[in-house]
């Protein structure tokens, strides 16, 4: 993990954020010796989350299609 001083981090924050995204984490060391870790937050979501699909169907047509598929099953 690469460690930057507080002053360096303040001057190059965008670079540090990119580096944390690419490398996993970077450290920031204060003058008093304390070191902090900057790392990206993992995106949490359901495996069932899916993007929507654009269609030309109106609500009634969509409902009818679902109804028909349920009758077949």
Protein backbone atom coordinates (compact mmCIF):
# COMPACT_ATOMS: atom_id res chain seq x y z
CA UNK A 1 0.00 0.00 0.00
CA UNK A 2 1.38 3.36 -0.99
CA UNK A 3 1.24 6.01 1.76
CA UNK A 4 0.96 9.75 1.14
CA UNK A 5 1.33 12.63 3.53
CA UNK A 6 -1.76 14.63 4.40
CA UNK A 7 -0.48 17.54 2.28
CA UNK A 8 0.12 15.30 -0.74
CA UNK A 9 -3.32 13.73 -0.35
CA UNK A 10 -5.00 17.10 -0.13
CA UNK A 11 -3.26 18.36 -3.27
CA UNK A 12 -3.87 15.20 -5.32
CA UNK A 13 -7.17 13.86 -4.00
CA UNK A 14 -8.55 12.87 -7.43
CA UNK A 15 -5.34 10.91 -8.14
CA UNK A 16 -5.56 9.17 -4.76
CA UNK A 17 -9.18 8.17 -5.37
CA UNK A 18 -8.24 6.69 -8.75
CA UNK A 19 -5.28 4.88 -7.21
CA UNK A 20 -7.44 3.50 -4.39
CA UNK A 21 -9.93 2.22 -6.97
CA UNK A 22 -7.19 0.58 -9.04
CA UNK A 23 -4.93 -0.71 -6.24
CA UNK A 24 -7.52 -1.41 -3.53
CA UNK A 25 -6.35 1.14 -0.98
CA UNK A 26 -3.91 3.96 -0.24
CA UNK A 27 -2.71 5.36 3.06
CA UNK A 28 -2.72 8.94 4.29
CA UNK A 29 -0.31 9.80 7.10
CA UNK A 30 -0.84 12.81 9.33
CA UNK A 31 1.96 14.84 10.83
CA UNK A 32 1.34 13.26 14.25
CA UNK A 33 2.06 9.81 12.79
CA UNK A 34 -1.48 8.49 12.51
CA UNK A 35 -2.14 6.66 9.26
CA UNK A 36 -5.56 6.30 7.68
CA UNK A 37 -6.59 4.02 4.84
CA UNK A 38 -8.61 5.23 1.87
CA UNK A 39 -10.33 2.44 -0.04
CA UNK A 40 -13.36 2.15 -2.31
CA UNK A 41 -16.65 0.97 -0.89
CA UNK A 42 -17.82 -2.28 -2.41
CA UNK A 43 -21.05 -1.96 -4.30
CA UNK A 44 -23.67 -3.98 -2.51
CA UNK A 45 -26.76 -5.12 -4.25
CA UNK A 46 -29.00 -8.03 -4.72
CA UNK A 47 -28.02 -10.64 -7.31
CA UNK A 48 -31.62 -10.26 -8.43
CA UNK A 49 -31.15 -6.59 -9.35
CA UNK A 50 -31.33 -6.31 -13.12
CA UNK A 51 -31.49 -3.39 -15.49
CA UNK A 52 -34.80 -2.58 -17.12
CA UNK A 53 -35.54 -3.35 -20.75
CA UNK A 54 -37.08 -0.85 -23.14
CA UNK A 55 -40.09 -2.22 -25.04
CA UNK A 56 -42.95 -0.83 -27.07
CA UNK A 57 -45.48 -2.74 -24.94
CA UNK A 58 -48.07 -0.89 -22.95
CA UNK A 59 -49.13 -2.09 -19.50
CA UNK A 60 -52.17 -4.00 -20.77
CA UNK A 61 -50.13 -5.89 -23.37
CA UNK A 62 -47.50 -6.78 -20.80
CA UNK A 63 -50.14 -8.01 -18.34
CA UNK A 64 -51.75 -10.11 -21.07
CA UNK A 65 -48.39 -11.68 -21.97
CA UNK A 66 -47.77 -12.59 -18.32
CA UNK A 67 -51.27 -14.02 -18.00
CA UNK A 68 -50.78 -16.18 -21.10
CA UNK A 69 -47.41 -17.49 -19.91
CA UNK A 70 -48.91 -18.45 -16.53
CA UNK A 71 -51.76 -20.34 -18.20
CA UNK A 72 -49.25 -22.39 -20.22
CA UNK A 73 -47.29 -23.37 -17.11
